[in-house]
Amino acid sequence: MKNASLPALDIPAILRQYGLRPSKGLGQNFLQDESALGKITAIADIQPDDTVLEIGPGLGSLTRHLALAAAQVVAVELDEGLFPALRAVLAPYANVRLIQGDILKLRPAELVAAPDYLVVANIPYYITSILLRHLLANSPQGESAPRPRRLVLTVQEEVAERICAVPGRLSLLALSVQVFGKAEIAARIPAGAFYPVPNVASAVLQINIHPSPLIPSPLLDRFFWLAKAGFGQKRKTLRNALSTIIPREEAEQRLLAAGIDPQRRAETLSLDEWGKLCGSCQICGAETTSSDCLP
């Protein structure tokens, strides 16, 4: 089943049959290339007993592949108009549960009861940052709560490169993802693999979730509070950027106590250095939570 080949869906024909048009407002570019769909499924490394959460199944191109590989697929689609076509395409797959709704208003842990589930999706690119915040920063940290072990998301190539950046080129988005998991670009997908063809290049972003965040959970709010301040004035030195939330002299003291040159800029710090800065700072931004800080 896992390696079964599937006939390609004729996306334009399905849209015509059901009187549908891709919505620009919802970022609908349907991935139809079978080679790319198979590659995404392989990257996800789905095991026969896995549960997969898919966000934005569209017309079910990727859902079919996931259903052949997983025990269950929970597919959440915002566009109610796609459901007649989506149900027809997925009728042969009894292990797919379709949910109409906005994933940003739903709690993933309530949709998927299985521990160590996977998130695999070709997502609307305009919600990439907020969706990552929803899946990572808002995920329950309790040991008994279901949490994903891996995210495999098709996103805009430029955004994927930002997320996977190294110190010297880091952004708040990169830090906010990398604190929760190891991110890497697992594949690149040409624009011609989609219908309609988008005007941006795409990449498959794989995020393997750490057993626990790289910044200890009690310090996460402080980490995001400091990082948001640091990147809020990213052209300035950290001493000056952090002076927006603590006195300049104290900012310098805290940086020196963490072994960080106050003249450095936020993008040059590694996660380890941010952790040291959090540990040295006694002021907690209790008014700001980690869920507020992904850009």
C-alpha atoms as a PDB file:
ATOM      1  CA  MET A   1       0.000   0.000   0.000  1.00  0.00           C
ATOM      2  CA  LYS A   2       2.691   2.473   0.986  1.00  0.00           C
ATOM      3  CA  ASN A   3       4.366   2.400  -2.404  1.00  0.00           C
ATOM      4  CA  ALA A   4       1.234   2.020  -4.492  1.00  0.00           C
ATOM      5  CA  SER A   5       1.160   4.262  -7.538  1.00  0.00           C
ATOM      6  CA  LEU A   6      -1.819   6.496  -8.172  1.00  0.00           C
ATOM      7  CA  PRO A   7      -3.183   7.989 -11.360  1.00  0.00           C
ATOM      8  CA  ALA A   8      -2.723  11.740 -11.535  1.00  0.00           C
ATOM      9  CA  LEU A   9      -5.784  13.832 -10.824  1.00  0.00           C
ATOM     10  CA  ASP A  10      -6.904  16.078 -13.665  1.00  0.00           C
ATOM     11  CA  ILE A  11      -7.322  19.167 -11.515  1.00  0.00           C
ATOM     12  CA  PRO A  12      -8.652  21.500 -14.255  1.00  0.00           C
ATOM     13  CA  ALA A  13     -11.244  18.879 -15.269  1.00  0.00           C
ATOM     14  CA  ILE A  14     -12.410  18.381 -11.666  1.00  0.00           C
ATOM     15  CA  LEU A  15     -12.747  22.119 -11.190  1.00  0.00           C
ATOM     16  CA  ARG A  16     -14.817  22.388 -14.384  1.00  0.00           C
ATOM     17  CA  GLN A  17     -16.978  19.413 -13.406  1.00  0.00           C
ATOM     18  CA  TYR A  18     -17.937  20.996 -10.101  1.00  0.00           C
ATOM     19  CA  GLY A  19     -18.080  24.583 -11.337  1.00  0.00           C
ATOM     20  CA  LEU A  20     -15.137  25.656  -9.204  1.00  0.00           C
ATOM     21  CA  ARG A  21     -12.376  28.220  -9.588  1.00  0.00           C
ATOM     22  CA  PRO A  22      -9.181  28.388  -7.516  1.00  0.00           C
ATOM     23  CA  SER A  23      -9.476  31.141  -4.927  1.00  0.00           C
ATOM     24  CA  LYS A  24      -6.634  33.647  -4.916  1.00  0.00           C
ATOM     25  CA  GLY A  25      -7.854  34.936  -1.575  1.00  0.00           C
ATOM     26  CA  LEU A  26      -7.395  31.477  -0.029  1.00  0.00           C
ATOM     27  CA  GLY A  27      -4.061  30.914  -1.764  1.00  0.00           C
ATOM     28  CA  GLN A  28      -5.345  27.909  -3.716  1.00  0.00           C
ATOM     29  CA  ASN A  29      -2.631  26.443  -5.922  1.00  0.00           C
ATOM     30  CA  PHE A  30      -3.314  22.729  -6.154  1.00  0.00           C
ATOM     31  CA  LEU A  31      -0.269  20.458  -6.236  1.00  0.00           C
ATOM     32  CA  GLN A  32      -0.923  17.951  -9.016  1.00  0.00           C
ATOM     33  CA  ASP A  33       2.462  16.503  -9.980  1.00  0.00           C
ATOM     34  CA  GLU A  34       2.515  12.857  -8.882  1.00  0.00           C
ATOM     35  CA  SER A  35       6.295  12.787  -8.554  1.00  0.00           C
ATOM     36  CA  ALA A  36       6.211  15.726  -6.128  1.00  0.00           C
ATOM     37  CA  LEU A  37       3.300  14.219  -4.183  1.00  0.00           C
ATOM     38  CA  GLY A  38       5.153  10.925  -3.832  1.00  0.00           C
ATOM     39  CA  LYS A  39       8.282  12.760  -2.728  1.00  0.00           C
ATOM     40  CA  ILE A  40       6.419  14.633   0.016  1.00  0.00           C
ATOM     41  CA  THR A  41       4.909  11.375   1.278  1.00  0.00           C
ATOM     42  CA  ALA A  42       8.323   9.711   1.329  1.00  0.00           C
ATOM     43  CA  ILE A  43       9.872  12.651   3.207  1.00  0.00           C
ATOM     44  CA  ALA A  44       7.142  12.370   5.850  1.00  0.00           C
ATOM     45  CA  ASP A  45       8.303   8.775   6.513  1.00  0.00           C
ATOM     46  CA  ILE A  46       4.799   7.681   7.473  1.00  0.00           C
ATOM     47  CA  GLN A  47       4.496   4.410   9.381  1.00  0.00           C
ATOM     48  CA  PRO A  48       1.471   2.091   8.979  1.00  0.00           C
ATOM     49  CA  ASP A  49       0.124   2.954  12.455  1.00  0.00           C
ATOM     50  CA  ASP A  50       0.584   6.728  12.103  1.00  0.00           C
ATOM     51  CA  THR A  51      -2.104   9.393  12.195  1.00  0.00           C
ATOM     52  CA  VAL A  52      -1.559  12.326   9.840  1.00  0.00           C
ATOM     53  CA  LEU A  53      -3.069  15.782  10.170  1.00  0.00           C
ATOM     54  CA  GLU A  54      -3.382  17.423   6.748  1.00  0.00           C
ATOM     55  CA  ILE A  55      -4.168  21.118   6.489  1.00  0.00           C
ATOM     56  CA  GLY A  56      -5.864  22.334   3.341  1.00  0.00           C
ATOM     57  CA  PRO A  57      -6.374  19.097   1.370  1.00  0.00           C
ATOM     58  CA  GLY A  58      -7.849  21.069  -1.525  1.00  0.00           C
ATOM     59  CA  LEU A  59      -9.045  18.464  -4.021  1.00  0.00           C
ATOM     60  CA  GLY A  60      -7.338  15.551  -2.285  1.00  0.00           C
ATOM     61  CA  SER A  61      -4.239  15.050  -4.434  1.00  0.00           C
ATOM     62  CA  LEU A  62      -1.891  14.631  -1.478  1.00  0.00           C
ATOM     63  CA  THR A  63      -4.578  13.161   0.792  1.00  0.00           C
ATOM     64  CA  ARG A  64      -4.780  10.035  -1.385  1.00  0.00           C
ATOM     65  CA  HIS A  65      -1.061   9.375  -0.949  1.00  0.00           C
ATOM     66  CA  LEU A  66      -1.254   9.960   2.790  1.00  0.00           C
ATOM     67  CA  ALA A  67      -4.239   7.624   3.097  1.00  0.00           C
ATOM     68  CA  LEU A  68      -2.325   4.789   1.447  1.00  0.00           C
ATOM     69  CA  ALA A  69       0.544   5.179   3.896  1.00  0.00           C
ATOM     70  CA  ALA A  70      -1.115   6.014   7.230  1.00  0.00           C
ATOM     71  CA  ALA A  71      -3.601   4.399   9.582  1.00  0.00           C
ATOM     72  CA  GLN A  72      -5.691   7.568   9.616  1.00  0.00           C
ATOM     73  CA  VAL A  73      -5.693  10.958   7.928  1.00  0.00           C
ATOM     74  CA  VAL A  74      -7.502  13.908   9.497  1.00  0.00           C
ATOM     75  CA  ALA A  75      -7.907  16.516   6.754  1.00  0.00           C
ATOM     76  CA  VAL A  76      -9.056  20.038   7.654  1.00  0.00           C
ATOM     77  CA  GLU A  77     -10.326  22.177   4.771  1.00  0.00           C
ATOM     78  CA  LEU A  78     -11.529  25.763   5.114  1.00  0.00           C
ATOM     79  CA  ASP A  79     -13.280  26.082   1.728  1.00  0.00           C
ATOM     80  CA  GLU A  80     -16.686  24.464   2.054  1.00  0.00           C
ATOM     81  CA  GLY A  81     -17.199  24.801  -1.693  1.00  0.00           C
ATOM     82  CA  LEU A  82     -14.527  22.169  -2.376  1.00  0.00           C
ATOM     83  CA  PHE A  83     -16.262  19.485  -0.324  1.00  0.00           C
ATOM     84  CA  PRO A  84     -18.438  17.861  -3.029  1.00  0.00           C
ATOM     85  CA  ALA A  85     -15.367  17.317  -5.225  1.00  0.00           C
ATOM     86  CA  LEU A  86     -13.141  16.423  -2.271  1.00  0.00           C
ATOM     87  CA  ARG A  87     -15.593  13.804  -0.980  1.00  0.00           C
ATOM     88  CA  ALA A  88     -15.850  12.249  -4.452  1.00  0.00           C
ATOM     89  CA  VAL A  89     -12.071  12.031  -4.862  1.00  0.00           C
ATOM     90  CA  LEU A  90     -11.596  10.542  -1.394  1.00  0.00           C
ATOM     91  CA  ALA A  91     -14.591   8.179  -1.424  1.00  0.00           C
ATOM     92  CA  PRO A  92     -12.354   5.068  -1.806  1.00  0.00           C
ATOM     93  CA  TYR A  93     -10.377   5.910   1.354  1.00  0.00           C
ATOM     94  CA  ALA A  94     -12.239   4.914   4.495  1.00  0.00           C
ATOM     95  CA  ASN A  95      -9.379   6.025   6.754  1.00  0.00           C
ATOM     96  CA  VAL A  96      -9.766   9.719   5.863  1.00  0.00           C
ATOM     97  CA  ARG A  97     -11.779  11.977   8.184  1.00  0.00           C
ATOM     98  CA  LEU A  98     -12.736  15.291   6.589  1.00  0.00           C
ATOM     99  CA  ILE A  99     -13.340  18.339   8.756  1.00  0.00           C
ATOM    100  CA  GLN A 100     -14.638  21.644   7.429  1.00  0.00           C
ATOM    101  CA  GLY A 101     -13.157  24.501   9.404  1.00  0.00           C
ATOM    102  CA  ASP A 102     -10.367  26.975   9.964  1.00  0.00           C
ATOM    103  CA  ILE A 103      -7.311  25.187  11.370  1.00  0.00           C
ATOM    104  CA  LEU A 104      -6.278  28.442  13.064  1.00  0.00           C
ATOM    105  CA  LYS A 105      -9.460  28.310  15.134  1.00  0.00           C
ATOM    106  CA  LEU A 106      -9.135  24.611  15.984  1.00  0.00           C
ATOM    107  CA  ARG A 107      -6.820  22.938  18.484  1.00  0.00           C
ATOM    108  CA  PRO A 108      -4.706  20.285  16.719  1.00  0.00           C
ATOM    109  CA  ALA A 109      -4.462  18.247  19.929  1.00  0.00           C
ATOM    110  CA  GLU A 110      -8.264  17.952  19.948  1.00  0.00           C
ATOM    111  CA  LEU A 111      -8.403  16.884  16.303  1.00  0.00           C
ATOM    112  CA  VAL A 112      -5.766  14.172  16.692  1.00  0.00           C
ATOM    113  CA  ALA A 113      -5.801  11.978  19.771  1.00  0.00           C
ATOM    114  CA  ALA A 114      -2.850   9.815  18.727  1.00  0.00           C
ATOM    115  CA  PRO A 115       0.560  10.683  20.234  1.00  0.00           C
ATOM    116  CA  ASP A 116       3.449  11.542  17.913  1.00  0.00           C
ATOM    117  CA  TYR A 117       1.204  12.327  14.976  1.00  0.00           C
ATOM    118  CA  LEU A 118       2.484  13.897  11.766  1.00  0.00           C
ATOM    119  CA  VAL A 119       1.463  17.122  10.062  1.00  0.00           C
ATOM    120  CA  VAL A 120       1.805  16.907   6.280  1.00  0.00           C
ATOM    121  CA  ALA A 121       0.373  19.607   4.049  1.00  0.00           C
ATOM    122  CA  ASN A 122       0.641  21.842   1.024  1.00  0.00           C
ATOM    123  CA  ILE A 123      -0.374  24.969   2.897  1.00  0.00           C
ATOM    124  CA  PRO A 124      -1.611  28.353   1.660  1.00  0.00           C
ATOM    125  CA  TYR A 125       1.599  30.364   1.758  1.00  0.00           C
ATOM    126  CA  TYR A 126       0.034  33.474   3.261  1.00  0.00           C
ATOM    127  CA  ILE A 127      -0.654  31.648   6.549  1.00  0.00           C
ATOM    128  CA  THR A 128       2.801  30.029   6.925  1.00  0.00           C
ATOM    129  CA  SER A 129       3.999  32.063   9.911  1.00  0.00           C
ATOM    130  CA  ILE A 130       0.730  32.090  11.816  1.00  0.00           C
ATOM    131  CA  LEU A 131       0.203  28.376  11.149  1.00  0.00           C
ATOM    132  CA  LEU A 132       3.651  27.528  12.505  1.00  0.00           C
ATOM    133  CA  ARG A 133       2.848  29.574  15.587  1.00  0.00           C
ATOM    134  CA  HIS A 134      -0.401  27.650  15.954  1.00  0.00           C
ATOM    135  CA  LEU A 135       1.266  24.238  15.577  1.00  0.00           C
ATOM    136  CA  LEU A 136       4.425  24.908  17.591  1.00  0.00           C
ATOM    137  CA  ALA A 137       4.182  27.763  20.069  1.00  0.00           C
ATOM    138  CA  ASN A 138       0.601  26.930  21.006  1.00  0.00           C
ATOM    139  CA  SER A 139       1.218  23.187  21.291  1.00  0.00           C
ATOM    140  CA  PRO A 140       0.656  21.781  24.763  1.00  0.00           C
ATOM    141  CA  GLN A 141       3.915  21.076  26.540  1.00  0.00           C
ATOM    142  CA  GLY A 142       2.543  18.472  28.963  1.00  0.00           C
ATOM    143  CA  GLU A 143       3.969  15.003  28.525  1.00  0.00           C
ATOM    144  CA  SER A 144       0.487  13.448  28.247  1.00  0.00           C
ATOM    145  CA  ALA A 145      -0.733  15.841  25.532  1.00  0.00           C
ATOM    146  CA  PRO A 146      -0.588  14.686  21.913  1.00  0.00           C
ATOM    147  CA  ARG A 147       1.993  16.621  19.942  1.00  0.00           C
ATOM    148  CA  PRO A 148       3.370  16.180  16.428  1.00  0.00           C
ATOM    149  CA  ARG A 149       6.718  14.493  15.989  1.00  0.00           C
ATOM    150  CA  ARG A 150       7.256  15.877  12.500  1.00  0.00           C
ATOM    151  CA  LEU A 151       5.928  18.618  10.240  1.00  0.00           C
ATOM    152  CA  VAL A 152       6.325  18.318   6.468  1.00  0.00           C
ATOM    153  CA  LEU A 153       5.001  21.455   4.801  1.00  0.00           C
ATOM    154  CA  THR A 154       5.173  22.728   1.249  1.00  0.00           C
ATOM    155  CA  VAL A 155       5.865  26.438   1.601  1.00  0.00           C
ATOM    156  CA  GLN A 156       7.298  29.333  -0.378  1.00  0.00           C
ATOM    157  CA  GLU A 157      10.977  28.596  -1.031  1.00  0.00           C
ATOM    158  CA  GLU A 158      12.138  31.965   0.274  1.00  0.00           C
ATOM    159  CA  VAL A 159      10.306  31.437   3.573  1.00  0.00           C
ATOM    160  CA  ALA A 160      11.730  27.920   3.930  1.00  0.00           C
ATOM    161  CA  GLU A 161      15.236  29.323   3.500  1.00  0.00           C
ATOM    162  CA  ARG A 162      14.563  31.951   6.183  1.00  0.00           C
ATOM    163  CA  ILE A 163      13.328  29.303   8.599  1.00  0.00           C
ATOM    164  CA  CYS A 164      16.414  27.120   8.043  1.00  0.00           C
ATOM    165  CA  ALA A 165      18.907  30.002   8.372  1.00  0.00           C
ATOM    166  CA  VAL A 166      22.024  29.769  10.537  1.00  0.00           C
ATOM    167  CA  PRO A 167      23.423  32.362  12.985  1.00  0.00           C
ATOM    168  CA  GLY A 168      24.416  35.441  11.055  1.00  0.00           C
ATOM    169  CA  ARG A 169      21.232  35.260   9.001  1.00  0.00           C
ATOM    170  CA  LEU A 170      18.688  34.355  11.654  1.00  0.00           C
ATOM    171  CA  SER A 171      15.269  35.987  11.942  1.00  0.00           C
ATOM    172  CA  LEU A 172      12.629  35.885  14.635  1.00  0.00           C
ATOM    173  CA  LEU A 173      10.738  33.376  12.480  1.00  0.00           C
ATOM    174  CA  ALA A 174      13.789  31.081  12.249  1.00  0.00           C
ATOM    175  CA  LEU A 175      14.406  31.194  15.998  1.00  0.00           C
ATOM    176  CA  SER A 176      10.740  30.632  16.732  1.00  0.00           C
ATOM    177  CA  VAL A 177      10.756  27.419  14.703  1.00  0.00           C
ATOM    178  CA  GLN A 178      14.218  26.127  15.526  1.00  0.00           C
ATOM    179  CA  VAL A 179      13.613  26.321  19.276  1.00  0.00           C
ATOM    180  CA  PHE A 180      10.928  23.643  18.823  1.00  0.00           C
ATOM    181  CA  GLY A 181      12.434  21.463  16.102  1.00  0.00           C
ATOM    182  CA  LYS A 182      15.207  20.827  13.597  1.00  0.00           C
ATOM    183  CA  ALA A 183      14.227  22.446  10.303  1.00  0.00           C
ATOM    184  CA  GLU A 184      15.616  21.586   6.893  1.00  0.00           C
ATOM    185  CA  ILE A 185      14.651  21.923   3.254  1.00  0.00           C
ATOM    186  CA  ALA A 186      13.995  18.354   2.136  1.00  0.00           C
ATOM    187  CA  ALA A 187      13.057  19.069  -1.496  1.00  0.00           C
ATOM    188  CA  ARG A 188      12.298  21.840  -3.940  1.00  0.00           C
ATOM    189  CA  ILE A 189       9.216  21.826  -6.150  1.00  0.00           C
ATOM    190  CA  PRO A 190       8.956  23.694  -9.457  1.00  0.00           C
ATOM    191  CA  ALA A 191       6.076  26.071 -10.020  1.00  0.00           C
ATOM    192  CA  GLY A 192       4.814  23.911 -12.893  1.00  0.00           C
ATOM    193  CA  ALA A 193       3.868  21.158 -10.423  1.00  0.00           C
ATOM    194  CA  PHE A 194       0.886  23.287  -9.309  1.00  0.00           C
ATOM    195  CA  TYR A 195      -2.387  24.356 -10.881  1.00  0.00           C
ATOM    196  CA  PRO A 196      -2.728  27.231 -11.334  1.00  0.00           C
ATOM    197  CA  VAL A 197       0.997  27.886 -11.613  1.00  0.00           C
ATOM    198  CA  PRO A 198       2.143  30.184  -8.765  1.00  0.00           C
ATOM    199  CA  ASN A 199       4.594  33.046  -9.323  1.00  0.00           C
ATOM    200  CA  VAL A 200       6.928  31.834  -6.555  1.00  0.00           C
ATOM    201  CA  ALA A 201       9.165  28.807  -6.118  1.00  0.00           C
ATOM    202  CA  SER A 202       8.247  26.212  -3.493  1.00  0.00           C
ATOM    203  CA  ALA A 203      10.111  23.944  -1.098  1.00  0.00           C
ATOM    204  CA  VAL A 204       9.264  21.050   1.196  1.00  0.00           C
ATOM    205  CA  LEU A 205      10.118  22.074   4.745  1.00  0.00           C
ATOM    206  CA  GLN A 206      10.729  19.223   7.184  1.00  0.00           C
ATOM    207  CA  ILE A 207      10.673  20.026  10.910  1.00  0.00           C
ATOM    208  CA  ASN A 208      11.519  17.177  13.273  1.00  0.00           C
ATOM    209  CA  ILE A 209      10.145  18.220  16.643  1.00  0.00           C
ATOM    210  CA  HIS A 210      12.536  18.081  19.612  1.00  0.00           C
ATOM    211  CA  PRO A 211      11.421  15.997  22.617  1.00  0.00           C
ATOM    212  CA  SER A 212      11.391  19.310  24.498  1.00  0.00           C
ATOM    213  CA  PRO A 213      12.137  22.892  23.379  1.00  0.00           C
ATOM    214  CA  LEU A 214      15.829  23.846  23.211  1.00  0.00           C
ATOM    215  CA  ILE A 215      15.050  26.722  25.561  1.00  0.00           C
ATOM    216  CA  PRO A 216      13.648  25.218  28.801  1.00  0.00           C
ATOM    217  CA  SER A 217       9.877  25.636  28.969  1.00  0.00           C
ATOM    218  CA  PRO A 218       9.964  27.932  32.055  1.00  0.00           C
ATOM    219  CA  LEU A 219      12.169  30.346  30.077  1.00  0.00           C
ATOM    220  CA  LEU A 220      10.244  30.308  26.791  1.00  0.00           C
ATOM    221  CA  ASP A 221       8.182  33.409  27.485  1.00  0.00           C
ATOM    222  CA  ARG A 222      11.336  35.275  28.495  1.00  0.00           C
ATOM    223  CA  PHE A 223      13.122  34.010  25.360  1.00  0.00           C
ATOM    224  CA  PHE A 224      10.382  35.261  23.039  1.00  0.00           C
ATOM    225  CA  TRP A 225      10.138  38.548  24.929  1.00  0.00           C
ATOM    226  CA  LEU A 226      13.852  39.222  24.510  1.00  0.00           C
ATOM    227  CA  ALA A 227      14.053  37.924  20.943  1.00  0.00           C
ATOM    228  CA  LYS A 228      11.099  40.013  19.836  1.00  0.00           C
ATOM    229  CA  ALA A 229      12.773  43.110  21.275  1.00  0.00           C
ATOM    230  CA  GLY A 230      16.125  42.204  19.690  1.00  0.00           C
ATOM    231  CA  PHE A 231      14.674  41.705  16.226  1.00  0.00           C
ATOM    232  CA  GLY A 232      12.294  44.639  16.566  1.00  0.00           C
ATOM    233  CA  GLN A 233      15.337  46.892  16.097  1.00  0.00           C
ATOM    234  CA  LYS A 234      17.500  44.439  14.148  1.00  0.00           C
ATOM    235  CA  ARG A 235      19.681  47.125  12.570  1.00  0.00           C
ATOM    236  CA  LYS A 236      20.730  48.223  16.031  1.00  0.00           C
ATOM    237  CA  THR A 237      23.141  46.549  18.382  1.00  0.00           C
ATOM    238  CA  LEU A 238      21.586  44.261  20.966  1.00  0.00           C
ATOM    239  CA  ARG A 239      22.431  46.745  23.711  1.00  0.00           C
ATOM    240  CA  ASN A 240      20.350  49.404  21.996  1.00  0.00           C
ATOM    241  CA  ALA A 241      17.603  47.071  20.770  1.00  0.00           C
ATOM    242  CA  LEU A 242      17.013  45.612  24.224  1.00  0.00           C
ATOM    243  CA  SER A 243      16.907  49.102  25.720  1.00  0.00           C
ATOM    244  CA  THR A 244      13.316  49.294  24.472  1.00  0.00           C
ATOM    245  CA  ILE A 245      12.317  46.868  27.255  1.00  0.00           C
ATOM    246  CA  ILE A 246      15.010  47.297  29.931  1.00  0.00           C
ATOM    247  CA  PRO A 247      17.384  50.182  30.780  1.00  0.00           C
ATOM    248  CA  ARG A 248      20.358  50.409  28.398  1.00  0.00           C
ATOM    249  CA  GLU A 249      22.916  49.906  31.149  1.00  0.00           C
ATOM    250  CA  GLU A 250      21.088  46.845  32.413  1.00  0.00           C
ATOM    251  CA  ALA A 251      20.850  45.434  28.895  1.00  0.00           C
ATOM    252  CA  GLU A 252      24.625  45.748  28.567  1.00  0.00           C
ATOM    253  CA  GLN A 253      25.141  44.079  31.952  1.00  0.00           C
ATOM    254  CA  ARG A 254      22.895  41.165  31.043  1.00  0.00           C
ATOM    255  CA  LEU A 255      24.608  40.652  27.703  1.00  0.00           C
ATOM    256  CA  LEU A 256      28.054  40.688  29.264  1.00  0.00           C
ATOM    257  CA  ALA A 257      26.908  38.277  31.989  1.00  0.00           C
ATOM    258  CA  ALA A 258      25.814  35.876  29.230  1.00  0.00           C
ATOM    259  CA  GLY A 259      29.179  36.238  27.461  1.00  0.00           C
ATOM    260  CA  ILE A 260      27.675  38.193  24.560  1.00  0.00           C
ATOM    261  CA  ASP A 261      29.274  41.310  23.090  1.00  0.00           C
ATOM    262  CA  PRO A 262      26.671  44.106  23.476  1.00  0.00           C
ATOM    263  CA  GLN A 263      27.701  45.409  20.032  1.00  0.00           C
ATOM    264  CA  ARG A 264      26.415  42.299  18.260  1.00  0.00           C
ATOM    265  CA  ARG A 265      23.099  42.228  16.435  1.00  0.00           C
ATOM    266  CA  ALA A 266      20.199  39.867  17.064  1.00  0.00           C
ATOM    267  CA  GLU A 267      20.611  37.812  13.878  1.00  0.00           C
ATOM    268  CA  THR A 268      24.139  36.762  14.866  1.00  0.00           C
ATOM    269  CA  LEU A 269      23.175  35.007  18.101  1.00  0.00           C
ATOM    270  CA  SER A 270      22.760  31.238  18.187  1.00  0.00           C
ATOM    271  CA  LEU A 271      19.948  29.555  20.069  1.00  0.00           C
ATOM    272  CA  ASP A 272      22.455  28.540  22.727  1.00  0.00           C
ATOM    273  CA  GLU A 273      23.404  32.188  23.220  1.00  0.00           C
ATOM    274  CA  TRP A 274      19.766  33.238  23.454  1.00  0.00           C
ATOM    275  CA  GLY A 275      19.363  30.537  26.100  1.00  0.00           C
ATOM    276  CA  LYS A 276      22.281  31.948  28.089  1.00  0.00           C
ATOM    277  CA  LEU A 277      20.801  35.425  27.809  1.00  0.00           C
ATOM    278  CA  CYS A 278      17.437  34.165  29.067  1.00  0.00           C
ATOM    279  CA  GLY A 279      19.123  32.466  31.985  1.00  0.00           C
ATOM    280  CA  SER A 280      20.982  35.634  32.958  1.00  0.00           C
ATOM    281  CA  CYS A 281      17.978  37.945  32.688  1.00  0.00           C
ATOM    282  CA  GLN A 282      15.870  38.268  35.814  1.00  0.00           C
ATOM    283  CA  ILE A 283      13.153  40.366  34.202  1.00  0.00           C
ATOM    284  CA  CYS A 284      10.355  38.291  32.709  1.00  0.00           C
ATOM    285  CA  GLY A 285       8.051  39.672  30.069  1.00  0.00           C
ATOM    286  CA  ALA A 286       5.005  38.067  31.618  1.00  0.00           C
ATOM    287  CA  GLU A 287       2.726  40.205  29.478  1.00  0.00           C
ATOM    288  CA  THR A 288       4.084  38.531  26.334  1.00  0.00           C
ATOM    289  CA  THR A 289       3.688  34.826  25.633  1.00  0.00           C
ATOM    290  CA  SER A 290       5.442  32.648  23.094  1.00  0.00           C
ATOM    291  CA  SER A 291       2.274  32.459  21.017  1.00  0.00           C
ATOM    292  CA  ASP A 292       2.465  36.209  20.373  1.00  0.00           C
ATOM    293  CA  CYS A 293       5.930  36.295  18.946  1.00  0.00           C
ATOM    294  CA  LEU A 294       6.088  34.434  15.655  1.00  0.00           C
ATOM    295  CA  PRO A 295       5.986  37.116  12.987  1.00  0.00           C
END
